[in-house]
C-alpha atoms as a PDB file:
ATOM      1  CA  MET A   1      49.882 -54.942 -78.932  1.00  0.00           C
ATOM      2  CA  GLY A   2      50.211 -53.513 -82.381  1.00  0.00           C
ATOM      3  CA  LEU A   3      48.098 -56.242 -83.869  1.00  0.00           C
ATOM      4  CA  PHE A   4      45.022 -55.014 -81.904  1.00  0.00           C
ATOM      5  CA  TYR A   5      45.632 -51.199 -82.065  1.00  0.00           C
ATOM      6  CA  ASN A   6      43.439 -49.129 -84.291  1.00  0.00           C
ATOM      7  CA  TYR A   7      45.671 -46.442 -85.877  1.00  0.00           C
ATOM      8  CA  GLU A   8      42.573 -44.581 -87.210  1.00  0.00           C
ATOM      9  CA  THR A   9      41.681 -43.453 -83.668  1.00  0.00           C
ATOM     10  CA  SER A  10      43.375 -40.979 -81.269  1.00  0.00           C
ATOM     11  CA  GLY A  11      42.855 -40.066 -77.659  1.00  0.00           C
ATOM     12  CA  LYS A  12      43.019 -36.598 -76.119  1.00  0.00           C
ATOM     13  CA  GLY A  13      46.768 -36.697 -75.468  1.00  0.00           C
ATOM     14  CA  VAL A  14      48.578 -35.992 -72.268  1.00  0.00           C
ATOM     15  CA  ALA A  15      48.521 -32.390 -70.902  1.00  0.00           C
ATOM     16  CA  LYS A  16      52.003 -31.087 -70.062  1.00  0.00           C
ATOM     17  CA  ASN A  17      50.854 -29.406 -66.827  1.00  0.00           C
ATOM     18  CA  GLY A  18      47.773 -31.534 -66.260  1.00  0.00           C
ATOM     19  CA  PRO A  19      46.788 -32.727 -62.756  1.00  0.00           C
ATOM     20  CA  LYS A  20      48.825 -35.414 -61.181  1.00  0.00           C
ATOM     21  CA  LYS A  21      47.407 -38.749 -60.267  1.00  0.00           C
ATOM     22  CA  LYS A  22      46.974 -39.716 -56.679  1.00  0.00           C
ATOM     23  CA  PRO A  23      50.200 -41.068 -55.159  1.00  0.00           C
ATOM     24  CA  PHE A  24      48.704 -44.602 -54.764  1.00  0.00           C
ATOM     25  CA  PHE A  25      47.926 -44.799 -58.442  1.00  0.00           C
ATOM     26  CA  ARG A  26      51.190 -43.170 -59.544  1.00  0.00           C
ATOM     27  CA  PHE A  27      53.176 -45.698 -57.425  1.00  0.00           C
ATOM     28  CA  TRP A  28      51.629 -48.720 -59.091  1.00  0.00           C
ATOM     29  CA  GLU A  29      51.836 -47.103 -62.561  1.00  0.00           C
ATOM     30  CA  GLN A  30      55.573 -46.438 -62.154  1.00  0.00           C
ATOM     31  CA  PHE A  31      56.125 -49.816 -60.521  1.00  0.00           C
ATOM     32  CA  ILE A  32      54.515 -51.732 -63.325  1.00  0.00           C
ATOM     33  CA  GLY A  33      56.280 -49.669 -65.884  1.00  0.00           C
ATOM     34  CA  LYS A  34      59.656 -50.353 -64.398  1.00  0.00           C
ATOM     35  CA  PHE A  35      58.893 -53.919 -63.152  1.00  0.00           C
ATOM     36  CA  TRP A  36      61.604 -55.768 -64.990  1.00  0.00           C
ATOM     37  CA  LYS A  37      64.228 -53.041 -64.230  1.00  0.00           C
ATOM     38  CA  ILE A  38      63.384 -53.253 -60.606  1.00  0.00           C
ATOM     39  CA  LEU A  39      63.897 -57.010 -60.699  1.00  0.00           C
ATOM     40  CA  LEU A  40      67.268 -56.400 -62.125  1.00  0.00           C
ATOM     41  CA  ILE A  41      68.227 -53.931 -59.289  1.00  0.00           C
ATOM     42  CA  ASN A  42      66.933 -56.555 -56.783  1.00  0.00           C
ATOM     43  CA  LEU A  43      69.307 -59.077 -58.267  1.00  0.00           C
ATOM     44  CA  LEU A  44      72.249 -56.701 -58.414  1.00  0.00           C
ATOM     45  CA  PHE A  45      71.639 -55.750 -54.760  1.00  0.00           C
ATOM     46  CA  PHE A  46      71.364 -59.413 -53.709  1.00  0.00           C
ATOM     47  CA  ILE A  47      74.604 -60.404 -55.480  1.00  0.00           C
ATOM     48  CA  SER A  48      76.369 -57.517 -53.871  1.00  0.00           C
ATOM     49  CA  SER A  49      75.159 -58.014 -50.374  1.00  0.00           C
ATOM     50  CA  GLY A  50      73.260 -61.255 -50.134  1.00  0.00           C
ATOM     51  CA  MET A  51      75.463 -62.902 -47.558  1.00  0.00           C
ATOM     52  CA  VAL A  52      74.463 -60.289 -44.989  1.00  0.00           C
ATOM     53  CA  LEU A  53      70.914 -61.408 -45.359  1.00  0.00           C
ATOM     54  CA  VAL A  54      71.961 -65.017 -44.999  1.00  0.00           C
ATOM     55  CA  LEU A  55      73.673 -64.076 -41.777  1.00  0.00           C
ATOM     56  CA  VAL A  56      70.488 -62.351 -40.496  1.00  0.00           C
ATOM     57  CA  GLY A  57      68.349 -65.375 -41.429  1.00  0.00           C
ATOM     58  CA  ALA A  58      70.875 -67.729 -39.562  1.00  0.00           C
ATOM     59  CA  ILE A  59      70.701 -65.516 -36.426  1.00  0.00           C
ATOM     60  CA  LEU A  60      66.911 -65.483 -36.584  1.00  0.00           C
ATOM     61  CA  THR A  61      66.563 -69.192 -36.915  1.00  0.00           C
ATOM     62  CA  GLY A  62      68.982 -69.723 -34.013  1.00  0.00           C
ATOM     63  CA  GLN A  63      71.746 -71.347 -35.975  1.00  0.00           C
ATOM     64  CA  TYR A  64      75.348 -70.808 -34.961  1.00  0.00           C
ATOM     65  CA  LEU A  65      77.882 -69.397 -37.323  1.00  0.00           C
ATOM     66  CA  ASP A  66      81.459 -70.536 -37.383  1.00  0.00           C
ATOM     67  CA  MET A  67      84.496 -68.533 -38.433  1.00  0.00           C
ATOM     68  CA  ARG A  68      84.330 -69.673 -41.965  1.00  0.00           C
ATOM     69  CA  TRP A  69      80.937 -68.079 -42.401  1.00  0.00           C
ATOM     70  CA  MET A  70      82.075 -64.902 -40.851  1.00  0.00           C
ATOM     71  CA  LEU A  71      85.109 -64.562 -43.089  1.00  0.00           C
ATOM     72  CA  LEU A  72      82.954 -65.388 -46.163  1.00  0.00           C
ATOM     73  CA  SER A  73      80.567 -62.649 -45.256  1.00  0.00           C
ATOM     74  CA  ILE A  74      83.134 -59.787 -45.069  1.00  0.00           C
ATOM     75  CA  PRO A  75      83.030 -58.881 -48.772  1.00  0.00           C
ATOM     76  CA  PHE A  76      79.159 -58.744 -48.688  1.00  0.00           C
ATOM     77  CA  VAL A  77      79.272 -56.610 -45.468  1.00  0.00           C
ATOM     78  CA  ILE A  78      81.618 -54.183 -47.346  1.00  0.00           C
ATOM     79  CA  GLY A  79      79.258 -54.155 -50.379  1.00  0.00           C
ATOM     80  CA  PHE A  80      76.112 -53.720 -48.387  1.00  0.00           C
ATOM     81  CA  GLY A  81      76.237 -49.947 -48.011  1.00  0.00           C
ATOM     82  CA  PRO A  82      77.438 -49.000 -51.538  1.00  0.00           C
ATOM     83  CA  ALA A  83      74.915 -51.467 -53.104  1.00  0.00           C
ATOM     84  CA  SER A  84      72.169 -49.900 -51.016  1.00  0.00           C
ATOM     85  CA  ALA A  85      73.149 -46.425 -52.088  1.00  0.00           C
ATOM     86  CA  ALA A  86      73.514 -47.482 -55.805  1.00  0.00           C
ATOM     87  CA  SER A  87      70.078 -49.195 -55.723  1.00  0.00           C
ATOM     88  CA  MET A  88      68.480 -46.056 -54.107  1.00  0.00           C
ATOM     89  CA  GLN A  89      69.948 -43.882 -56.823  1.00  0.00           C
ATOM     90  CA  VAL A  90      68.379 -45.944 -59.559  1.00  0.00           C
ATOM     91  CA  MET A  91      65.008 -45.959 -57.649  1.00  0.00           C
ATOM     92  CA  ARG A  92      65.234 -42.239 -57.204  1.00  0.00           C
ATOM     93  CA  LYS A  93      65.660 -41.748 -60.887  1.00  0.00           C
ATOM     94  CA  PHE A  94      62.718 -44.080 -61.482  1.00  0.00           C
ATOM     95  CA  THR A  95      60.377 -41.993 -59.245  1.00  0.00           C
ATOM     96  CA  LEU A  96      61.573 -38.731 -61.058  1.00  0.00           C
ATOM     97  CA  GLU A  97      60.897 -40.487 -64.326  1.00  0.00           C
ATOM     98  CA  LYS A  98      64.375 -39.750 -65.601  1.00  0.00           C
ATOM     99  CA  PRO A  99      65.664 -41.875 -68.533  1.00  0.00           C
ATOM    100  CA  ILE A 100      68.638 -43.979 -67.425  1.00  0.00           C
ATOM    101  CA  PHE A 101      70.732 -47.055 -68.273  1.00  0.00           C
ATOM    102  CA  VAL A 102      70.139 -49.166 -65.161  1.00  0.00           C
ATOM    103  CA  PHE A 103      73.459 -51.002 -65.001  1.00  0.00           C
ATOM    104  CA  ASP A 104      75.552 -47.972 -65.817  1.00  0.00           C
ATOM    105  CA  GLU A 105      73.662 -45.771 -63.244  1.00  0.00           C
ATOM    106  CA  PHE A 106      74.050 -48.550 -60.616  1.00  0.00           C
ATOM    107  CA  LYS A 107      77.845 -48.867 -61.317  1.00  0.00           C
ATOM    108  CA  LYS A 108      78.382 -45.148 -61.359  1.00  0.00           C
ATOM    109  CA  ALA A 109      76.487 -44.525 -58.083  1.00  0.00           C
ATOM    110  CA  TYR A 110      78.324 -47.487 -56.455  1.00  0.00           C
ATOM    111  CA  LYS A 111      81.747 -45.980 -57.220  1.00  0.00           C
ATOM    112  CA  GLU A 112      80.922 -42.321 -56.567  1.00  0.00           C
ATOM    113  CA  ASN A 113      79.304 -42.851 -53.135  1.00  0.00           C
ATOM    114  CA  PHE A 114      81.316 -45.802 -52.044  1.00  0.00           C
ATOM    115  CA  PHE A 115      83.108 -44.367 -48.883  1.00  0.00           C
ATOM    116  CA  GLN A 116      80.137 -42.598 -47.345  1.00  0.00           C
ATOM    117  CA  ALA A 117      77.830 -45.581 -48.086  1.00  0.00           C
ATOM    118  CA  LEU A 118      80.442 -47.977 -46.773  1.00  0.00           C
ATOM    119  CA  ALA A 119      80.526 -46.329 -43.336  1.00  0.00           C
ATOM    120  CA  VAL A 120      76.767 -46.335 -43.115  1.00  0.00           C
ATOM    121  CA  GLY A 121      76.560 -49.891 -44.289  1.00  0.00           C
ATOM    122  CA  ILE A 122      79.065 -51.230 -41.743  1.00  0.00           C
ATOM    123  CA  PHE A 123      77.341 -49.295 -39.034  1.00  0.00           C
ATOM    124  CA  ASP A 124      73.934 -50.790 -40.114  1.00  0.00           C
ATOM    125  CA  VAL A 125      75.248 -54.310 -40.132  1.00  0.00           C
ATOM    126  CA  LEU A 126      76.876 -53.917 -36.601  1.00  0.00           C
ATOM    127  CA  PHE A 127      73.993 -52.017 -35.131  1.00  0.00           C
ATOM    128  CA  PHE A 128      71.168 -54.282 -36.275  1.00  0.00           C
ATOM    129  CA  GLY A 129      73.163 -57.395 -35.790  1.00  0.00           C
ATOM    130  CA  MET A 130      73.668 -56.373 -32.127  1.00  0.00           C
ATOM    131  CA  PHE A 131      69.964 -55.454 -31.809  1.00  0.00           C
ATOM    132  CA  ILE A 132      68.815 -58.863 -33.185  1.00  0.00           C
ATOM    133  CA  TYR A 133      71.180 -60.587 -30.718  1.00  0.00           C
ATOM    134  CA  GLY A 134      70.031 -58.348 -27.941  1.00  0.00           C
ATOM    135  CA  ALA A 135      66.334 -58.797 -28.719  1.00  0.00           C
ATOM    136  CA  LEU A 136      66.648 -62.584 -28.746  1.00  0.00           C
ATOM    137  CA  PHE A 137      68.398 -62.393 -25.440  1.00  0.00           C
ATOM    138  CA  TYR A 138      65.839 -60.092 -23.761  1.00  0.00           C
ATOM    139  CA  LEU A 139      62.981 -62.194 -25.075  1.00  0.00           C
ATOM    140  CA  GLN A 140      64.469 -65.165 -23.215  1.00  0.00           C
ATOM    141  CA  VAL A 141      64.889 -62.985 -20.157  1.00  0.00           C
ATOM    142  CA  VAL A 142      61.264 -61.774 -20.278  1.00  0.00           C
ATOM    143  CA  GLU A 143      60.114 -65.311 -20.704  1.00  0.00           C
ATOM    144  CA  ASN A 144      61.978 -66.437 -17.604  1.00  0.00           C
ATOM    145  CA  ALA A 145      61.514 -63.216 -15.545  1.00  0.00           C
ATOM    146  CA  PRO A 146      58.533 -61.093 -16.862  1.00  0.00           C
ATOM    147  CA  THR A 147      59.378 -58.006 -14.817  1.00  0.00           C
ATOM    148  CA  ALA A 148      58.556 -54.438 -15.771  1.00  0.00           C
ATOM    149  CA  GLY A 149      62.228 -53.551 -16.033  1.00  0.00           C
ATOM    150  CA  ASN A 150      62.914 -56.354 -18.494  1.00  0.00           C
ATOM    151  CA  TYR A 151      59.925 -55.404 -20.643  1.00  0.00           C
ATOM    152  CA  ALA A 152      61.040 -51.804 -20.552  1.00  0.00           C
ATOM    153  CA  MET A 153      64.554 -52.747 -21.866  1.00  0.00           C
ATOM    154  CA  LEU A 154      63.052 -54.709 -24.665  1.00  0.00           C
ATOM    155  CA  ILE A 155      60.574 -51.928 -25.631  1.00  0.00           C
ATOM    156  CA  VAL A 156      63.160 -49.204 -25.507  1.00  0.00           C
ATOM    157  CA  SER A 157      65.773 -51.094 -27.616  1.00  0.00           C
ATOM    158  CA  THR A 158      63.100 -51.981 -30.108  1.00  0.00           C
ATOM    159  CA  ALA A 159      61.964 -48.338 -30.350  1.00  0.00           C
ATOM    160  CA  ILE A 160      65.521 -47.075 -30.959  1.00  0.00           C
ATOM    161  CA  ALA A 161      66.194 -49.747 -33.580  1.00  0.00           C
ATOM    162  CA  SER A 162      62.885 -48.839 -35.308  1.00  0.00           C
ATOM    163  CA  TYR A 163      63.828 -45.102 -35.328  1.00  0.00           C
ATOM    164  CA  VAL A 164      67.321 -45.816 -36.792  1.00  0.00           C
ATOM    165  CA  PHE A 165      65.732 -48.206 -39.372  1.00  0.00           C
ATOM    166  CA  MET A 166      63.407 -45.385 -40.492  1.00  0.00           C
ATOM    167  CA  ALA A 167      66.176 -42.903 -40.672  1.00  0.00           C
ATOM    168  CA  ASN A 168      67.947 -45.227 -43.158  1.00  0.00           C
ATOM    169  CA  PHE A 169      65.092 -44.522 -45.626  1.00  0.00           C
ATOM    170  CA  TYR A 170      66.666 -41.057 -45.939  1.00  0.00           C
ATOM    171  CA  VAL A 171      70.420 -41.660 -45.405  1.00  0.00           C
ATOM    172  CA  TYR A 172      71.093 -43.496 -48.621  1.00  0.00           C
ATOM    173  CA  LEU A 173      68.810 -41.169 -50.629  1.00  0.00           C
ATOM    174  CA  GLU A 174      70.707 -38.121 -49.293  1.00  0.00           C
ATOM    175  CA  ILE A 175      74.031 -39.784 -50.015  1.00  0.00           C
ATOM    176  CA  VAL A 176      73.305 -40.153 -53.697  1.00  0.00           C
ATOM    177  CA  SER A 177      71.421 -36.773 -54.152  1.00  0.00           C
ATOM    178  CA  LEU A 178      73.305 -34.319 -51.884  1.00  0.00           C
ATOM    179  CA  SER A 179      76.789 -33.044 -51.553  1.00  0.00           C
ATOM    180  CA  LEU A 180      76.994 -32.963 -47.772  1.00  0.00           C
ATOM    181  CA  PRO A 181      79.295 -34.383 -45.114  1.00  0.00           C
ATOM    182  CA  LEU A 182      78.167 -37.654 -43.655  1.00  0.00           C
ATOM    183  CA  GLY A 183      77.459 -36.110 -40.299  1.00  0.00           C
ATOM    184  CA  LYS A 184      74.998 -33.631 -41.726  1.00  0.00           C
ATOM    185  CA  ILE A 185      73.395 -36.319 -43.775  1.00  0.00           C
ATOM    186  CA  ILE A 186      72.725 -38.369 -40.650  1.00  0.00           C
ATOM    187  CA  LYS A 187      71.506 -35.301 -38.829  1.00  0.00           C
ATOM    188  CA  ASN A 188      69.052 -34.484 -41.572  1.00  0.00           C
ATOM    189  CA  ALA A 189      67.903 -38.136 -41.757  1.00  0.00           C
ATOM    190  CA  LEU A 190      67.173 -38.167 -38.027  1.00  0.00           C
ATOM    191  CA  LEU A 191      65.044 -35.006 -38.361  1.00  0.00           C
ATOM    192  CA  LEU A 192      63.330 -36.174 -41.523  1.00  0.00           C
ATOM    193  CA  THR A 193      62.337 -39.331 -39.789  1.00  0.00           C
ATOM    194  CA  VAL A 194      60.038 -37.175 -37.630  1.00  0.00           C
ATOM    195  CA  MET A 195      58.994 -34.682 -40.359  1.00  0.00           C
ATOM    196  CA  GLY A 196      57.908 -37.496 -42.733  1.00  0.00           C
ATOM    197  CA  ILE A 197      56.497 -39.756 -39.957  1.00  0.00           C
ATOM    198  CA  LYS A 198      53.245 -40.616 -41.979  1.00  0.00           C
ATOM    199  CA  VAL A 199      55.086 -42.164 -44.879  1.00  0.00           C
ATOM    200  CA  ASN A 200      57.776 -43.599 -42.569  1.00  0.00           C
ATOM    201  CA  ILE A 201      55.089 -45.582 -40.764  1.00  0.00           C
ATOM    202  CA  ILE A 202      53.672 -46.884 -44.003  1.00  0.00           C
ATOM    203  CA  ASN A 203      57.219 -47.960 -45.082  1.00  0.00           C
ATOM    204  CA  PHE A 204      57.930 -49.547 -41.786  1.00  0.00           C
ATOM    205  CA  LEU A 205      54.639 -51.558 -41.537  1.00  0.00           C
ATOM    206  CA  ILE A 206      55.000 -52.810 -45.136  1.00  0.00           C
ATOM    207  CA  THR A 207      58.628 -53.784 -44.444  1.00  0.00           C
ATOM    208  CA  LEU A 208      57.452 -55.705 -41.321  1.00  0.00           C
ATOM    209  CA  LEU A 209      54.870 -57.611 -43.361  1.00  0.00           C
ATOM    210  CA  PHE A 210      57.585 -58.581 -45.923  1.00  0.00           C
ATOM    211  CA  GLY A 211      59.930 -59.644 -43.157  1.00  0.00           C
ATOM    212  CA  ALA A 212      57.246 -61.629 -41.435  1.00  0.00           C
ATOM    213  CA  ALA A 213      56.373 -63.370 -44.632  1.00  0.00           C
ATOM    214  CA  ILE A 214      59.988 -64.285 -45.369  1.00  0.00           C
ATOM    215  CA  TYR A 215      60.507 -65.465 -41.770  1.00  0.00           C
ATOM    216  CA  LEU A 216      57.275 -67.553 -41.685  1.00  0.00           C
ATOM    217  CA  PHE A 217      58.096 -69.283 -44.945  1.00  0.00           C
ATOM    218  CA  PHE A 218      61.875 -69.713 -44.303  1.00  0.00           C
ATOM    219  CA  PRO A 219      63.799 -71.454 -45.878  1.00  0.00           C
ATOM    220  CA  PHE A 220      61.428 -71.659 -48.947  1.00  0.00           C
ATOM    221  CA  SER A 221      61.153 -67.795 -49.041  1.00  0.00           C
ATOM    222  CA  THR A 222      64.964 -67.579 -49.744  1.00  0.00           C
ATOM    223  CA  PHE A 223      64.339 -68.521 -53.334  1.00  0.00           C
ATOM    224  CA  LEU A 224      62.463 -65.249 -53.813  1.00  0.00           C
ATOM    225  CA  LEU A 225      65.170 -63.056 -52.247  1.00  0.00           C
ATOM    226  CA  PRO A 226      67.127 -62.693 -55.526  1.00  0.00           C
ATOM    227  CA  VAL A 227      63.890 -61.717 -57.380  1.00  0.00           C
ATOM    228  CA  ILE A 228      61.570 -59.209 -55.801  1.00  0.00           C
ATOM    229  CA  PRO A 229      61.364 -58.052 -52.174  1.00  0.00           C
ATOM    230  CA  PHE A 230      64.369 -55.746 -51.877  1.00  0.00           C
ATOM    231  CA  GLY A 231      63.772 -53.938 -55.127  1.00  0.00           C
ATOM    232  CA  TRP A 232      60.073 -53.413 -54.356  1.00  0.00           C
ATOM    233  CA  LEU A 233      60.764 -52.104 -50.897  1.00  0.00           C
ATOM    234  CA  MET A 234      63.649 -49.724 -52.082  1.00  0.00           C
ATOM    235  CA  PHE A 235      61.339 -48.380 -54.770  1.00  0.00           C
ATOM    236  CA  LEU A 236      58.694 -47.841 -52.074  1.00  0.00           C
ATOM    237  CA  TYR A 237      61.201 -45.963 -49.912  1.00  0.00           C
ATOM    238  CA  ALA A 238      62.320 -43.823 -52.756  1.00  0.00           C
ATOM    239  CA  PHE A 239      58.733 -43.026 -53.867  1.00  0.00           C
ATOM    240  CA  ASN A 240      57.601 -42.005 -50.377  1.00  0.00           C
ATOM    241  CA  CYS A 241      60.712 -40.471 -48.865  1.00  0.00           C
ATOM    242  CA  TYR A 242      62.461 -38.572 -51.649  1.00  0.00           C
ATOM    243  CA  PRO A 243      59.569 -35.984 -51.907  1.00  0.00           C
ATOM    244  CA  VAL A 244      60.166 -35.325 -48.127  1.00  0.00           C
ATOM    245  CA  ILE A 245      63.789 -34.631 -48.892  1.00  0.00           C
ATOM    246  CA  GLN A 246      62.784 -32.337 -51.725  1.00  0.00           C
ATOM    247  CA  LYS A 247      60.298 -30.491 -49.547  1.00  0.00           C
ATOM    248  CA  TYR A 248      62.542 -29.849 -46.491  1.00  0.00           C
ATOM    249  CA  ILE A 249      66.092 -29.854 -47.962  1.00  0.00           C
ATOM    250  CA  ILE A 250      66.327 -29.340 -51.686  1.00  0.00           C
ATOM    251  CA  ASN A 251      63.440 -26.955 -52.504  1.00  0.00           C
ATOM    252  CA  PRO A 252      64.348 -24.496 -49.686  1.00  0.00           C
ATOM    253  CA  TYR A 253      67.968 -24.312 -50.976  1.00  0.00           C
ATOM    254  CA  TYR A 254      66.854 -23.358 -54.480  1.00  0.00           C
ATOM    255  CA  GLU A 255      64.238 -20.938 -53.047  1.00  0.00           C
ATOM    256  CA  SER A 256      66.898 -19.144 -51.013  1.00  0.00           C
ATOM    257  CA  ARG A 257      68.856 -18.573 -54.216  1.00  0.00           C
ATOM    258  CA  GLY A 258      65.717 -17.425 -56.082  1.00  0.00           C
ATOM    259  CA  GLU A 259      66.024 -20.498 -58.422  1.00  0.00           C
ATOM    260  CA  HIS A 260      63.703 -23.366 -59.392  1.00  0.00           C
ATOM    261  CA  ASN A 261      64.436 -26.879 -58.414  1.00  0.00           C
ATOM    262  CA  PRO A 262      65.408 -28.539 -61.765  1.00  0.00           C
ATOM    263  CA  GLU A 263      64.009 -31.938 -60.526  1.00  0.00           C
ATOM    264  CA  LEU A 264      60.518 -30.444 -60.377  1.00  0.00           C
ATOM    265  CA  PRO A 265      58.240 -29.696 -63.423  1.00  0.00           C
ATOM    266  CA  GLU A 266      58.638 -26.389 -65.034  1.00  0.00           C
ATOM    267  CA  GLU A 267      56.429 -23.662 -63.590  1.00  0.00           C
ATOM    268  CA  VAL A 268      53.578 -22.474 -65.752  1.00  0.00           C
ATOM    269  CA  THR A 269      53.878 -18.863 -66.892  1.00  0.00           C
ATOM    270  CA  GLU A 270      51.542 -16.599 -68.771  1.00  0.00           C
ATOM    271  CA  GLU A 271      54.193 -15.463 -71.205  1.00  0.00           C
ATOM    272  CA  GLU A 272      53.364 -15.562 -74.890  1.00  0.00           C
ATOM    273  CA  HIS A 273      54.753 -18.627 -76.709  1.00  0.00           C
ATOM    274  CA  ILE A 274      55.290 -19.253 -80.346  1.00  0.00           C
ATOM    275  CA  PHE A 275      54.249 -22.881 -79.928  1.00  0.00           C
ATOM    276  CA  THR A 276      51.681 -24.141 -77.458  1.00  0.00           C
ATOM    277  CA  ASP A 277      51.544 -27.719 -76.041  1.00  0.00           C
ATOM    278  CA  ARG A 278      47.916 -28.648 -76.485  1.00  0.00           C
ATOM    279  CA  GLY A 279      48.220 -32.108 -74.971  1.00  0.00           C
ATOM    280  CA  GLY A 280      44.933 -33.033 -73.344  1.00  0.00           C
ATOM    281  CA  THR A 281      42.930 -30.467 -75.238  1.00  0.00           C
ATOM    282  CA  GLU A 282      42.800 -31.967 -78.708  1.00  0.00           C
ATOM    283  CA  GLN A 283      39.557 -33.184 -80.174  1.00  0.00           C
ATOM    284  CA  GLU A 284      39.225 -36.897 -79.673  1.00  0.00           C
ATOM    285  CA  ILE A 285      39.186 -38.787 -82.991  1.00  0.00           C
ATOM    286  CA  LYS A 286      36.700 -41.631 -82.922  1.00  0.00           C
ATOM    287  CA  PRO A 287      36.763 -44.540 -85.393  1.00  0.00           C
ATOM    288  CA  LYS A 288      34.454 -44.201 -88.370  1.00  0.00           C
ATOM    289  CA  ARG A 289      31.650 -46.578 -88.834  1.00  0.00           C
ATOM    290  CA  GLN A 290      32.391 -48.761 -91.837  1.00  0.00           C
ATOM    291  CA  ALA A 291      29.749 -48.419 -94.574  1.00  0.00           C
ATOM    292  CA  LYS A 292      28.238 -51.736 -95.487  1.00  0.00           C
ATOM    293  CA  GLY A 293      28.461 -52.977 -99.052  1.00  0.00           C
ATOM    294  CA  PHE A 294      26.019 -54.993-101.160  1.00  0.00           C
ATOM    295  CA  GLY A 295      26.026 -58.619-102.073  1.00  0.00           C
ATOM    296  CA  ARG A 296      23.889 -61.362-103.416  1.00  0.00           C
ATOM    297  CA  ILE A 297      22.328 -64.279-101.658  1.00  0.00           C
ATOM    298  CA  ILE A 298      23.910 -67.555-102.506  1.00  0.00           C
ATOM    299  CA  LYS A 299      21.364 -70.167-103.548  1.00  0.00           C
END
């Protein structure tokens, strides 16, 4: 871009405490700015826990899995939780606009949060695996015997699974950002699922659209799994849900101690400063019009 940039011009600069852009525009600005790094996280996550997704795809397509597949999936089931936590840590730093080395941050978060994330990951795999199996079973039951009781069982189990899924938006973010026992993290997540219901519904619906697209275009969609969908969705979860954690958990903690949350921008004070940041207030420099020279007419 340097070939086309005019260094004789200057904009107004960026105001330090200027108004924030709307969340929709900030999301896409951050996503585009971190696009290649998000792809890298997607790949790391897929390598760490991709076999779990293969198992889910096999269940959804009605294929039977033998013992060899089950044994092969064990390392990926173990890695699912820690990889999810590590990915959410990187996405959290992206949304906070903190400078990081992606691979180092991922590796560090993977190790430091391994045991808590491992427990949550194993629970997720077992819980949602049983839900998928049960949902397929109840669909067959409803098809053969469409009674109110059978419909009720299917609806209730789907509602519970949806609630647990939305709680997961917060569990892994809490694991990497808070020093709390796992029980309290899960309790907070279940409450935050209700408190942040608006963003949770947005996350849930977009996830459903991604899942439907992957299912409809299976097996061709599997070629995209190492590239984009999980990184994009985890970035969406961090962008929408971490502010809810800040609002209801982190900010009240610092306020009770009379301190300012260091993750938030510095508060503006009226104290006298030696130097003043004038970003956004400078006079815009416009390019000067080049004076035309003289020449002769070639005959």
